[in-house]
Amino acid sequence: MPTTRPRASSAGPVAHQSTDMGRRIATRRAELGLTREEVAGRCGAAPSYIRYVEEHASAPGIGAIIRLADALETTVADLAGGSAGRPPGAASAPRNARLVDLDRDESWELLAGHGVGRIGVTTDEGPAIVPVNYVVAGGAIAFRTAPGAVPSAAAGSEVAFEVDRIDDAQCQGWSVLVTGRAKPVTAPDAIGRLEAAAQSLPWAGGQRGLWLAIAPERVTGRRVINPQSGVPDPGRSVSGSREPSRRRP
């Protein structure tokens, strides 16, 4: 196993950003009450290497992963994310977890940084919630679908739109909920702006040329804080507002 952290490539320094594996290693180490020095001693590595793997975007070799799994009394599959296909939220609830409200600006920031959300609509067959690729532009949340598809039922109706992020490794996460009326986007210049802002084509494929935009009337957000995760607690603030934030995208 390496005893020093990998060197940065000639293209530039390695970004200081942990991967899912790094978070799983750090979380398992914390569960066992082990220091980095103790883990390093168990697997024959330097403490600086354990710190690097936990805190940076790295890809340890299979030999290193095997020794880390043995040192952490777990399996290679769990460290490598072999259980990633399971539904999120199966991990045990952390002790002393807190549910805090997100303020308006942080909710918009999280909305703008995501690419897939869930739209709740009322159809002829009853309520339905389906995922859609979306974009935040011009103070609205827009997505494209096909006429007759479930998301198209949002046109002209008040709808709910939700995005979330579940971090099983840290047993924490956040969600943002938007309610408002959805309207078709028909102006060619407006459609052009949305298509330019979209990060990708709809994952569902096919011809999906109907753009719908939700004008937010209420935006609320919540975050589950795990005190054992090491992530700073942003504290509690008032969430939601019927007045759109001027700072949003």
Protein backbone atom coordinates (compact mmCIF):
# COMPACT_ATOMS: atom_id res chain seq x y z
CA MET A 1 0.00 0.00 0.00
CA PRO A 2 1.30 3.51 -0.77
CA THR A 3 2.80 5.36 2.20
CA THR A 4 2.57 8.83 0.71
CA ARG A 5 -0.19 10.57 -1.13
CA PRO A 6 -0.19 10.41 -4.96
CA ARG A 7 1.42 13.30 -6.77
CA ALA A 8 -0.60 15.79 -8.75
CA SER A 9 -0.49 15.38 -12.48
CA SER A 10 1.19 17.87 -14.75
CA ALA A 11 -2.26 19.15 -15.66
CA GLY A 12 -2.54 20.72 -12.22
CA PRO A 13 -3.03 19.91 -8.55
CA VAL A 14 -5.45 17.28 -7.38
CA ALA A 15 -8.73 18.86 -6.24
CA HIS A 16 -9.30 18.85 -2.49
CA GLN A 17 -12.62 17.03 -2.69
CA SER A 18 -13.50 13.69 -1.16
CA THR A 19 -15.19 10.91 -3.10
CA ASP A 20 -17.98 8.62 -1.94
CA MET A 21 -15.32 6.02 -1.12
CA GLY A 22 -13.39 8.54 0.95
CA ARG A 23 -16.52 9.38 2.92
CA ARG A 24 -17.29 5.70 3.43
CA ILE A 25 -13.77 5.10 4.75
CA ALA A 26 -13.98 8.09 7.11
CA THR A 27 -17.45 7.10 8.30
CA ARG A 28 -16.46 3.49 8.98
CA ARG A 29 -13.33 4.62 10.82
CA ALA A 30 -15.46 6.90 13.01
CA GLU A 31 -17.90 4.07 13.70
CA LEU A 32 -15.03 1.96 15.02
CA GLY A 33 -13.60 4.84 17.02
CA LEU A 34 -10.25 4.57 15.25
CA THR A 35 -7.76 7.33 14.51
CA ARG A 36 -6.05 7.61 11.15
CA GLU A 37 -2.85 6.49 12.82
CA GLU A 38 -4.55 3.33 14.07
CA VAL A 39 -6.00 2.51 10.68
CA ALA A 40 -2.64 3.17 9.07
CA GLY A 41 -0.98 0.80 11.52
CA ARG A 42 -3.50 -1.91 10.77
CA CYS A 43 -2.96 -1.83 7.02
CA GLY A 44 0.69 -0.82 6.76
CA ALA A 45 0.23 2.68 5.41
CA ALA A 46 1.22 6.15 6.50
CA PRO A 47 -1.41 8.25 8.33
CA SER A 48 -0.96 10.89 5.62
CA TYR A 49 -2.15 8.37 3.03
CA ILE A 50 -5.30 7.57 5.02
CA ARG A 51 -6.00 11.28 5.30
CA TYR A 52 -5.45 11.77 1.57
CA VAL A 53 -7.80 8.94 0.62
CA GLU A 54 -10.50 10.32 2.92
CA GLU A 55 -10.26 13.94 1.87
CA HIS A 56 -9.32 13.90 -1.82
CA ALA A 57 -10.70 12.53 -5.06
CA SER A 58 -8.57 9.40 -5.25
CA ALA A 59 -8.86 5.87 -6.63
CA PRO A 60 -6.92 3.37 -4.49
CA GLY A 61 -5.89 0.13 -6.17
CA ILE A 62 -7.69 -3.09 -5.36
CA GLY A 63 -4.85 -4.21 -3.10
CA ALA A 64 -5.11 -1.03 -1.05
CA ILE A 65 -8.89 -1.36 -0.85
CA ILE A 66 -8.62 -4.96 0.39
CA ARG A 67 -6.22 -3.92 3.16
CA LEU A 68 -8.36 -0.93 4.08
CA ALA A 69 -11.48 -3.12 4.25
CA ASP A 70 -9.65 -5.58 6.50
CA ALA A 71 -8.38 -2.77 8.73
CA LEU A 72 -11.87 -1.30 9.00
CA GLU A 73 -13.53 -4.69 9.60
CA THR A 74 -15.81 -4.35 6.60
CA THR A 75 -16.01 -5.63 3.02
CA VAL A 76 -14.52 -4.43 -0.23
CA ALA A 77 -18.03 -4.18 -1.66
CA ASP A 78 -19.17 -1.81 1.08
CA LEU A 79 -16.09 0.42 0.75
CA ALA A 80 -16.29 0.44 -3.05
CA GLY A 81 -20.00 1.18 -3.09
CA GLY A 82 -21.15 -2.28 -4.13
CA SER A 83 -24.33 -1.63 -2.17
CA ALA A 84 -25.01 1.56 -4.15
CA GLY A 85 -27.89 -0.13 -5.98
CA ARG A 86 -29.90 -0.32 -2.79
CA PRO A 87 -32.53 2.37 -2.16
CA PRO A 88 -31.06 5.35 -0.27
CA GLY A 89 -31.75 5.83 3.39
CA ALA A 90 -31.18 2.23 4.52
CA ALA A 91 -28.38 3.20 6.92
CA SER A 92 -29.08 3.53 10.64
CA ALA A 93 -30.16 6.96 11.86
CA PRO A 94 -27.31 8.88 13.50
CA ARG A 95 -27.45 9.86 17.14
CA ASN A 96 -28.49 13.42 17.94
CA ALA A 97 -29.42 14.16 14.33
CA ARG A 98 -30.99 17.56 13.68
CA LEU A 99 -33.50 18.69 11.09
CA VAL A 100 -32.91 22.35 10.18
CA ASP A 101 -34.64 24.73 7.83
CA LEU A 102 -32.75 26.14 4.86
CA ASP A 103 -33.06 29.81 4.06
CA ARG A 104 -34.35 31.03 0.72
CA ASP A 105 -30.97 31.70 -0.88
CA GLU A 106 -29.47 28.34 0.10
CA SER A 107 -32.57 26.57 -1.22
CA TRP A 108 -32.17 28.30 -4.56
CA GLU A 109 -28.46 27.53 -4.61
CA LEU A 110 -29.18 23.83 -4.14
CA LEU A 111 -31.89 23.93 -6.80
CA ALA A 112 -29.53 25.55 -9.29
CA GLY A 113 -26.82 22.96 -8.68
CA HIS A 114 -28.96 19.88 -9.33
CA GLY A 115 -30.10 18.32 -12.61
CA VAL A 116 -32.88 15.86 -11.75
CA GLY A 117 -35.98 16.60 -9.70
CA ARG A 118 -39.46 15.20 -9.12
CA ILE A 119 -42.63 16.80 -10.37
CA GLY A 120 -45.93 16.09 -8.62
CA VAL A 121 -48.99 16.40 -10.84
CA THR A 122 -52.65 15.39 -10.93
CA THR A 123 -53.58 13.16 -13.85
CA ASP A 124 -56.84 11.56 -14.98
CA GLU A 125 -55.75 8.45 -13.11
CA GLY A 126 -54.89 10.30 -9.90
CA PRO A 127 -51.79 11.92 -8.36
CA ALA A 128 -48.43 11.06 -9.87
CA ILE A 129 -44.82 11.92 -9.09
CA VAL A 130 -42.18 11.42 -11.78
CA PRO A 131 -38.51 12.42 -12.20
CA VAL A 132 -37.51 14.99 -14.80
CA ASN A 133 -34.34 16.69 -15.95
CA TYR A 134 -34.69 20.38 -15.22
CA VAL A 135 -32.97 23.73 -15.42
CA VAL A 136 -33.20 26.90 -13.31
CA ALA A 137 -33.35 29.98 -15.53
CA GLY A 138 -34.98 33.38 -15.37
CA GLY A 139 -36.30 32.81 -11.86
CA ALA A 140 -38.26 29.73 -12.93
CA ILE A 141 -37.80 25.97 -12.90
CA ALA A 142 -38.20 24.54 -16.38
CA PHE A 143 -38.26 21.04 -17.79
CA ARG A 144 -39.14 19.48 -21.12
CA THR A 145 -41.41 16.58 -21.80
CA ALA A 146 -43.61 15.14 -24.53
CA PRO A 147 -47.27 16.02 -25.08
CA GLY A 148 -49.38 13.37 -23.37
CA ALA A 149 -46.57 12.22 -21.07
CA VAL A 150 -47.23 12.32 -17.33
CA PRO A 151 -45.19 15.51 -16.68
CA SER A 152 -47.22 17.35 -19.33
CA ALA A 153 -50.20 17.24 -16.94
CA ALA A 154 -48.46 20.07 -15.09
CA ALA A 155 -49.44 22.58 -17.79
CA GLY A 156 -51.80 25.19 -16.39
CA SER A 157 -51.88 23.59 -12.95
CA GLU A 158 -50.43 24.24 -9.53
CA VAL A 159 -47.72 21.66 -8.97
CA ALA A 160 -45.10 20.56 -6.49
CA PHE A 161 -41.48 20.14 -7.50
CA GLU A 162 -38.81 18.54 -5.28
CA VAL A 163 -35.08 17.86 -5.38
CA ASP A 164 -32.99 16.13 -2.76
CA ARG A 165 -29.61 14.63 -2.01
CA ILE A 166 -29.19 11.61 0.25
CA ASP A 167 -25.69 10.87 1.55
CA ASP A 168 -25.82 7.32 2.89
CA ALA A 169 -22.16 7.41 3.85
CA GLN A 170 -22.74 10.32 6.23
CA CYS A 171 -26.39 9.55 7.10
CA GLN A 172 -27.47 13.05 6.18
CA GLY A 173 -29.02 14.94 3.30
CA TRP A 174 -31.23 17.79 2.19
CA SER A 175 -34.41 18.47 0.24
CA VAL A 176 -35.97 21.51 -1.41
CA LEU A 177 -39.67 21.79 -2.23
CA VAL A 178 -41.16 24.29 -4.68
CA THR A 179 -44.83 24.94 -5.33
CA GLY A 180 -46.21 27.07 -8.11
CA ARG A 181 -48.12 27.13 -11.35
CA ALA A 182 -46.62 25.55 -14.46
CA LYS A 183 -47.12 27.08 -17.90
CA PRO A 184 -45.96 26.05 -21.37
CA VAL A 185 -43.04 27.97 -22.82
CA THR A 186 -43.84 28.83 -26.43
CA ALA A 187 -41.77 31.91 -27.36
CA PRO A 188 -38.88 30.77 -29.63
CA ASP A 189 -36.34 33.03 -27.91
CA ALA A 190 -37.35 31.76 -24.46
CA ILE A 191 -37.09 28.15 -25.64
CA GLY A 192 -33.67 28.92 -27.08
CA ARG A 193 -32.47 30.28 -23.74
CA LEU A 194 -33.71 27.19 -21.91
CA GLU A 195 -32.07 24.81 -24.36
CA ALA A 196 -28.81 26.73 -24.04
CA ALA A 197 -28.98 26.55 -20.24
CA ALA A 198 -29.89 22.84 -20.09
CA GLN A 199 -26.99 20.65 -19.00
CA SER A 200 -28.17 17.63 -20.97
CA LEU A 201 -30.96 16.20 -23.05
CA PRO A 202 -33.73 14.41 -21.13
CA TRP A 203 -32.42 11.07 -19.90
CA ALA A 204 -35.69 9.42 -20.97
CA GLY A 205 -34.81 10.06 -24.61
CA GLY A 206 -37.30 10.42 -27.43
CA GLN A 207 -38.90 13.56 -28.78
CA ARG A 208 -39.51 15.87 -25.83
CA GLY A 209 -40.01 19.32 -27.26
CA LEU A 210 -42.63 20.63 -24.81
CA TRP A 211 -41.04 23.03 -22.33
CA LEU A 212 -42.91 23.82 -19.11
CA ALA A 213 -41.84 26.46 -16.60
CA ILE A 214 -42.87 26.60 -12.95
CA ALA A 215 -43.23 30.10 -11.48
CA PRO A 216 -42.33 29.52 -7.80
CA GLU A 217 -44.83 30.76 -5.25
CA ARG A 218 -43.25 29.06 -2.25
CA VAL A 219 -39.76 27.60 -1.77
CA THR A 220 -38.79 25.65 1.34
CA GLY A 221 -35.79 23.52 2.20
CA ARG A 222 -34.64 21.23 4.97
CA ARG A 223 -31.38 19.55 5.88
CA VAL A 224 -30.62 16.60 8.16
CA ILE A 225 -27.46 17.29 10.14
CA ASN A 226 -25.38 14.39 11.45
CA PRO A 227 -23.19 15.68 14.30
CA GLN A 228 -20.79 12.75 13.82
CA SER A 229 -20.15 13.54 10.15
CA GLY A 230 -17.74 16.41 10.73
CA VAL A 231 -19.78 18.68 8.42
CA PRO A 232 -20.38 22.12 10.03
CA ASP A 233 -23.92 22.73 11.25
CA PRO A 234 -25.25 25.79 9.36
CA GLY A 235 -27.76 26.38 12.13
CA ARG A 236 -31.47 26.91 11.89
CA SER A 237 -32.97 29.66 9.78
CA VAL A 238 -36.38 30.55 8.47
CA SER A 239 -37.15 28.76 5.21
CA GLY A 240 -39.52 29.60 2.45
CA SER A 241 -40.86 32.79 1.04
CA ARG A 242 -43.58 33.79 -1.33
CA GLU A 243 -41.27 36.48 -2.66
CA PRO A 244 -38.64 35.08 -5.06
CA SER A 245 -35.08 35.92 -4.09
CA ARG A 246 -33.32 38.42 -6.30
CA ARG A 247 -30.07 36.49 -5.80
CA ARG A 248 -31.37 33.30 -7.35
CA PRO A 249 -30.28 32.28 -10.87
